[in-house]
Amino acid sequence: MSHWPLLLPDEVQEMAARGPDWAAYVDRLPRVVRELCEEWELEVDGGLLHGFTALVVPVASPAGPAMLKVAFPDDESEHEHLALQHWHGKGAVRLVRADPGRSAMLLERLDTTDLSDVWDVEACEIVGALYSSLHVPALPQLRTLTSYVARWTERLAALPRSAPLPRRLVEQAVSLGRDLAGDDASVGRMIHGDLHYENVLATTRADGPAWLVIDPKPVSGDPHYEVAPLLWNRWDEMADGFGGVREGVRRRFHAAIDAAGLDEERARDWVVVRMLHNAMWALEDHHHDGARPRNDGYLTMCVTIAKAVQD
């Protein structure tokens, strides 16, 4: 049975400290959940969960066990319901119903098992095999990948020469980023945008077990853009793998692109661009928050991945 008032997780309540708008959002969130449960005939039947972008509530629904997801204020998640609706549960969690005005979705309930504990090469093959189901023609409502990449690349180009990154690699990423941002092939397919190991969950449907993606940040883009998160996530495992970090990166990279049938050169170019963009954001965060120490380990990881896919 649902119990009201709904007690939000501590981490969600702490978001109120971000400012007046966030405080107002956190204050009304339990009411939004209550209203949705009443309107959609849902009963809360488990502990509340949350990630970086949403509150997730296990519920019993007329359609069976489900998850009520209410997104936090976040432009990247604006079109998540459209992507899930368009995929119709093929390769992705099934959308039962949505209320875009309240950033709410009712989703089929999946297992909590993700790809984090699956051998990384096998996990990359699983993700690569999902690409073909996900990378369908893009919906017209989606923002374009190139609009983001063009802006980010100019910010990368503006880094001072004294930035703690190999200058030749920065210049390469700027050149590649500009080329890719101006390439018609860099748009036109719906891409997940944040497809890593924890965003792929297990389930068992009527036709058997399956791995399905969750939490898309959909844009109109290039399928080759998707590979990089498989390389930087689960990074600590690389040092213990056969052949060291360089070979570990290359094994993951080739496992994903081979399973997906992607072009090696284009996938490599996107990895270089994405890793240098990541490094740029880390440097910008350090610059804007002088109290935060520079994360040289993270910068080293970004450079190592960019170099490894090219060696």
Protein backbone atom coordinates (compact mmCIF):
# COMPACT_ATOMS: atom_id res chain seq x y z
CA MET A 1 0.00 0.00 0.00
CA SER A 2 1.11 3.58 -0.62
CA HIS A 3 2.00 5.60 2.44
CA TRP A 4 1.62 9.39 2.41
CA PRO A 5 3.36 11.69 2.87
CA LEU A 6 6.07 10.12 0.74
CA LEU A 7 9.54 10.29 2.27
CA LEU A 8 12.11 11.24 -0.36
CA PRO A 9 15.65 9.79 -0.22
CA ASP A 10 18.08 11.99 1.68
CA GLU A 11 20.11 12.71 -1.46
CA VAL A 12 17.00 14.02 -3.23
CA GLN A 13 16.02 16.19 -0.27
CA GLU A 14 19.54 17.65 -0.25
CA MET A 15 18.98 18.95 -3.79
CA ALA A 16 16.91 21.74 -2.23
CA ALA A 17 20.18 23.38 -1.19
CA ARG A 18 21.00 24.10 -4.85
CA GLY A 19 18.81 27.19 -4.85
CA PRO A 20 15.20 28.45 -4.68
CA ASP A 21 14.06 26.73 -7.88
CA TRP A 22 15.41 23.38 -6.71
CA ALA A 23 13.91 23.89 -3.24
CA ALA A 24 10.49 24.48 -4.80
CA TYR A 25 10.92 21.42 -7.03
CA VAL A 26 11.85 19.14 -4.13
CA ASP A 27 8.96 20.51 -2.08
CA ARG A 28 6.36 19.63 -4.72
CA LEU A 29 7.87 16.30 -5.82
CA PRO A 30 5.97 14.11 -3.28
CA ARG A 31 2.72 15.75 -4.38
CA VAL A 32 3.49 15.01 -8.03
CA VAL A 33 4.15 11.36 -7.22
CA ARG A 34 0.94 11.14 -5.18
CA GLU A 35 -1.12 12.68 -7.97
CA LEU A 36 0.34 10.34 -10.57
CA CYS A 37 -0.32 7.30 -8.38
CA GLU A 38 -3.93 8.35 -7.94
CA GLU A 39 -4.50 9.13 -11.63
CA TRP A 40 -2.73 6.03 -12.95
CA GLU A 41 -4.04 3.65 -10.23
CA LEU A 42 -0.60 2.86 -8.86
CA GLU A 43 0.45 1.51 -5.47
CA VAL A 44 3.98 2.07 -4.21
CA ASP A 45 5.38 -1.38 -3.45
CA GLY A 46 9.09 -0.83 -2.79
CA GLY A 47 11.76 1.55 -1.62
CA LEU A 48 12.28 4.75 -3.60
CA LEU A 49 15.31 4.87 -5.87
CA HIS A 50 17.10 7.71 -7.58
CA GLY A 51 19.93 8.44 -9.96
CA PHE A 52 21.48 11.68 -11.16
CA THR A 53 18.46 12.57 -13.26
CA ALA A 54 15.28 11.11 -11.75
CA LEU A 55 13.32 9.72 -8.84
CA VAL A 56 12.21 6.13 -9.52
CA VAL A 57 9.33 4.57 -7.58
CA PRO A 58 8.52 0.82 -7.72
CA VAL A 59 4.78 0.47 -8.16
CA ALA A 60 2.04 -2.06 -8.74
CA SER A 61 0.02 -0.97 -11.77
CA PRO A 62 -2.99 -2.33 -13.65
CA ALA A 63 -0.46 -3.60 -16.23
CA GLY A 64 1.65 -5.36 -13.60
CA PRO A 65 4.85 -4.47 -11.73
CA ALA A 66 6.25 -1.19 -13.05
CA MET A 67 8.49 1.75 -12.25
CA LEU A 68 7.23 5.32 -11.99
CA LYS A 69 10.02 7.65 -13.10
CA VAL A 70 9.85 11.38 -12.45
CA ALA A 71 12.74 13.27 -14.01
CA PHE A 72 14.59 16.06 -12.24
CA PRO A 73 14.87 19.36 -14.16
CA ASP A 74 17.19 18.37 -17.01
CA ASP A 75 17.06 19.40 -20.67
CA GLU A 76 18.92 16.26 -21.77
CA SER A 77 16.02 14.05 -20.62
CA GLU A 78 13.31 16.16 -22.27
CA HIS A 79 12.73 13.72 -25.14
CA GLU A 80 13.33 10.46 -23.28
CA HIS A 81 9.67 9.46 -23.52
CA LEU A 82 9.66 10.03 -27.28
CA ALA A 83 12.66 7.75 -27.77
CA LEU A 84 11.19 4.99 -25.61
CA GLN A 85 7.84 5.31 -27.36
CA HIS A 86 9.53 5.07 -30.75
CA TRP A 87 11.59 2.00 -29.78
CA HIS A 88 8.42 0.17 -28.65
CA GLY A 89 10.42 -1.94 -26.20
CA LYS A 90 12.80 -3.26 -28.85
CA GLY A 91 16.23 -3.13 -27.25
CA ALA A 92 14.94 -0.74 -24.59
CA VAL A 93 12.70 -0.66 -21.54
CA ARG A 94 9.04 -0.57 -22.54
CA LEU A 95 7.14 2.68 -21.98
CA VAL A 96 3.65 2.07 -20.55
CA ARG A 97 2.49 5.69 -20.43
CA ALA A 98 3.92 9.18 -20.09
CA ASP A 99 3.04 12.65 -18.86
CA PRO A 100 5.61 14.99 -20.45
CA GLY A 101 4.18 18.01 -18.62
CA ARG A 102 5.21 16.48 -15.30
CA SER A 103 8.33 14.77 -16.72
CA ALA A 104 6.84 11.44 -15.68
CA MET A 105 6.86 7.99 -17.23
CA LEU A 106 5.51 4.60 -16.25
CA LEU A 107 7.98 1.91 -17.35
CA GLU A 108 8.05 -1.85 -17.30
CA ARG A 109 9.94 -3.14 -14.29
CA LEU A 110 13.32 -4.67 -15.08
CA ASP A 111 15.76 -6.56 -12.89
CA THR A 112 18.34 -4.56 -10.96
CA THR A 113 21.16 -6.54 -12.64
CA ASP A 114 23.17 -4.43 -15.07
CA LEU A 115 26.28 -5.07 -17.16
CA SER A 116 28.72 -3.90 -14.49
CA ASP A 117 29.67 -7.42 -13.46
CA VAL A 118 29.69 -8.98 -16.92
CA TRP A 119 33.15 -9.54 -18.46
CA ASP A 120 33.86 -6.19 -20.08
CA VAL A 121 34.48 -7.54 -23.58
CA GLU A 122 31.25 -9.53 -23.46
CA ALA A 123 29.44 -6.48 -22.10
CA CYS A 124 30.73 -4.39 -25.02
CA GLU A 125 29.50 -7.05 -27.44
CA ILE A 126 26.06 -6.98 -25.79
CA VAL A 127 25.85 -3.19 -26.08
CA GLY A 128 27.16 -3.23 -29.65
CA ALA A 129 24.49 -5.76 -30.60
CA LEU A 130 21.80 -3.44 -29.19
CA TYR A 131 22.85 -0.52 -31.39
CA SER A 132 20.98 -1.78 -34.45
CA SER A 133 17.66 -1.74 -32.55
CA LEU A 134 18.26 1.71 -31.13
CA HIS A 135 19.78 3.63 -34.03
CA VAL A 136 16.61 4.11 -36.01
CA PRO A 137 15.83 7.24 -38.07
CA ALA A 138 15.78 10.23 -35.74
CA LEU A 139 12.57 11.90 -34.68
CA PRO A 140 12.20 15.50 -35.91
CA GLN A 141 11.79 16.84 -32.36
CA LEU A 142 15.29 15.82 -31.30
CA ARG A 143 18.16 18.24 -30.94
CA THR A 144 21.13 17.53 -33.19
CA LEU A 145 24.40 16.12 -31.98
CA THR A 146 26.27 18.51 -34.26
CA SER A 147 24.80 21.57 -32.53
CA TYR A 148 26.43 20.43 -29.30
CA VAL A 149 29.68 19.25 -30.82
CA ALA A 150 30.24 22.50 -32.70
CA ARG A 151 29.99 24.53 -29.47
CA TRP A 152 32.10 22.14 -27.42
CA THR A 153 34.80 21.99 -30.07
CA GLU A 154 35.19 25.77 -30.14
CA ARG A 155 35.53 25.76 -26.37
CA LEU A 156 38.22 23.09 -26.71
CA ALA A 157 40.01 25.24 -29.29
CA ALA A 158 39.99 28.13 -26.84
CA LEU A 159 41.93 26.22 -24.17
CA PRO A 160 45.24 27.97 -23.42
CA ARG A 161 48.38 26.33 -24.76
CA SER A 162 49.44 25.88 -21.14
CA ALA A 163 46.53 23.49 -20.48
CA PRO A 164 47.85 20.14 -19.12
CA LEU A 165 46.93 18.21 -22.26
CA PRO A 166 49.13 17.20 -25.23
CA ARG A 167 48.75 20.12 -27.61
CA ARG A 168 48.91 17.92 -30.70
CA LEU A 169 46.06 15.81 -29.37
CA VAL A 170 43.98 18.91 -28.62
CA GLU A 171 44.56 20.21 -32.14
CA GLN A 172 43.65 16.83 -33.61
CA ALA A 173 40.40 16.72 -31.63
CA VAL A 174 39.53 20.27 -32.68
CA SER A 175 40.11 19.42 -36.35
CA LEU A 176 38.10 16.20 -36.10
CA GLY A 177 35.33 17.89 -34.13
CA ARG A 178 34.91 20.61 -36.72
CA ASP A 179 34.86 18.07 -39.54
CA LEU A 180 32.32 15.86 -37.78
CA ALA A 181 30.12 18.81 -36.80
CA GLY A 182 29.93 19.80 -40.45
CA ASP A 183 29.29 16.29 -41.75
CA ASP A 184 25.73 15.40 -42.79
CA ALA A 185 26.36 11.82 -41.61
CA SER A 186 26.73 13.08 -38.04
CA VAL A 187 22.96 13.50 -37.75
CA GLY A 188 19.91 11.52 -38.78
CA ARG A 189 19.89 8.50 -36.46
CA MET A 190 18.44 8.44 -32.97
CA ILE A 191 21.25 7.77 -30.52
CA HIS A 192 21.03 7.03 -26.80
CA GLY A 193 23.79 9.48 -25.87
CA ASP A 194 24.76 7.93 -22.51
CA LEU A 195 24.96 4.22 -23.20
CA HIS A 196 27.21 2.62 -20.61
CA TYR A 197 27.16 -0.58 -18.54
CA GLU A 198 24.81 0.64 -15.78
CA ASN A 199 22.26 1.79 -18.35
CA VAL A 200 21.67 -1.75 -19.60
CA LEU A 201 19.48 -3.92 -17.36
CA ALA A 202 18.46 -7.55 -17.46
CA THR A 203 14.90 -8.80 -17.70
CA THR A 204 12.90 -11.85 -18.68
CA ARG A 205 10.06 -11.33 -21.11
CA ALA A 206 7.64 -13.82 -22.57
CA ASP A 207 10.14 -14.67 -25.30
CA GLY A 208 13.03 -15.18 -22.86
CA PRO A 209 15.84 -13.25 -21.14
CA ALA A 210 17.00 -9.95 -22.60
CA TRP A 211 19.25 -6.97 -21.98
CA LEU A 212 17.49 -3.62 -22.37
CA VAL A 213 18.70 -0.02 -22.24
CA ILE A 214 17.34 2.64 -19.90
CA ASP A 215 17.82 6.39 -19.37
CA PRO A 216 18.37 7.63 -22.94
CA LYS A 217 19.46 11.21 -23.56
CA PRO A 218 18.33 11.06 -27.19
CA VAL A 219 19.63 13.29 -29.96
CA SER A 220 19.75 13.10 -33.73
CA GLY A 221 23.28 11.93 -34.28
CA ASP A 222 25.80 9.39 -35.48
CA PRO A 223 25.83 5.79 -34.14
CA HIS A 224 29.64 5.91 -33.99
CA TYR A 225 29.33 8.49 -31.22
CA GLU A 226 28.00 5.84 -28.81
CA VAL A 227 31.18 3.81 -28.26
CA ALA A 228 33.27 6.05 -25.99
CA PRO A 229 31.38 5.53 -22.68
CA LEU A 230 32.20 1.82 -22.87
CA LEU A 231 35.88 2.77 -22.72
CA TRP A 232 35.93 5.21 -19.79
CA ASN A 233 33.46 3.40 -17.53
CA ARG A 234 34.75 0.54 -15.35
CA TRP A 235 38.17 2.14 -15.85
CA ASP A 236 39.74 0.66 -12.72
CA GLU A 237 39.42 -2.81 -14.21
CA MET A 238 41.75 -1.96 -17.09
CA ALA A 239 44.99 -2.15 -15.13
CA ASP A 240 44.25 -5.73 -14.07
CA GLY A 241 43.39 -6.96 -17.55
CA PHE A 242 45.59 -8.93 -19.91
CA GLY A 243 48.03 -6.69 -21.79
CA GLY A 244 47.45 -3.61 -19.65
CA VAL A 245 45.41 -0.48 -20.18
CA ARG A 246 46.17 0.12 -23.85
CA GLU A 247 45.19 -3.39 -24.89
CA GLY A 248 42.15 -3.28 -22.62
CA VAL A 249 40.87 -0.14 -24.31
CA ARG A 250 41.45 -1.63 -27.74
CA ARG A 251 39.70 -4.90 -26.84
CA ARG A 252 36.60 -3.05 -25.68
CA PHE A 253 36.64 -0.73 -28.69
CA HIS A 254 36.88 -3.53 -31.24
CA ALA A 255 34.36 -5.73 -29.41
CA ALA A 256 31.76 -2.96 -29.63
CA ILE A 257 32.35 -1.85 -33.20
CA ASP A 258 32.61 -5.43 -34.51
CA ALA A 259 29.34 -6.42 -32.83
CA ALA A 260 27.66 -3.32 -34.26
CA GLY A 261 29.29 -3.36 -37.69
CA LEU A 262 30.56 0.20 -37.28
CA ASP A 263 33.32 1.85 -39.28
CA GLU A 264 36.56 1.69 -37.27
CA GLU A 265 38.00 5.00 -38.43
CA ARG A 266 34.84 6.99 -37.79
CA ALA A 267 34.29 5.39 -34.38
CA ARG A 268 37.92 6.16 -33.50
CA ASP A 269 37.52 9.80 -34.51
CA TRP A 270 34.48 10.18 -32.28
CA VAL A 271 36.32 8.61 -29.34
CA VAL A 272 39.15 11.11 -29.72
CA VAL A 273 36.71 14.02 -29.85
CA ARG A 274 34.65 12.83 -26.89
CA MET A 275 37.66 12.15 -24.68
CA LEU A 276 39.14 15.59 -25.30
CA HIS A 277 35.75 17.21 -24.67
CA ASN A 278 35.60 15.31 -21.36
CA ALA A 279 39.06 16.56 -20.45
CA MET A 280 38.05 20.12 -21.34
CA TRP A 281 34.99 19.95 -19.06
CA ALA A 282 37.15 18.69 -16.19
CA LEU A 283 39.51 21.62 -16.66
CA GLU A 284 36.61 24.08 -16.86
CA ASP A 285 35.10 22.69 -13.65
CA HIS A 286 38.45 23.10 -11.91
CA HIS A 287 38.76 26.66 -13.20
CA HIS A 288 35.26 27.63 -12.07
CA ASP A 289 35.67 25.99 -8.66
CA GLY A 290 39.14 26.88 -7.46
CA ALA A 291 38.60 24.92 -4.24
CA ARG A 292 38.32 21.69 -6.23
CA PRO A 293 41.73 20.11 -6.93
CA ARG A 294 42.51 19.35 -10.54
CA ASN A 295 41.86 15.70 -11.29
CA ASP A 296 45.05 14.77 -13.10
CA GLY A 297 44.13 11.08 -12.99
CA TYR A 298 40.97 11.78 -14.95
CA LEU A 299 42.86 13.86 -17.49
CA THR A 300 45.39 11.05 -17.90
CA MET A 301 42.55 8.59 -18.51
CA CYS A 302 41.07 10.80 -21.24
CA VAL A 303 44.42 11.13 -23.01
CA THR A 304 45.21 7.43 -22.64
CA ILE A 305 41.93 6.38 -24.26
CA ALA A 306 42.30 8.87 -27.11
CA LYS A 307 45.79 7.58 -27.82
CA ALA A 308 44.97 3.88 -27.39
CA VAL A 309 42.32 3.76 -30.10
CA GLN A 310 44.85 5.24 -32.55
CA ASP A 311 48.00 3.25 -31.79
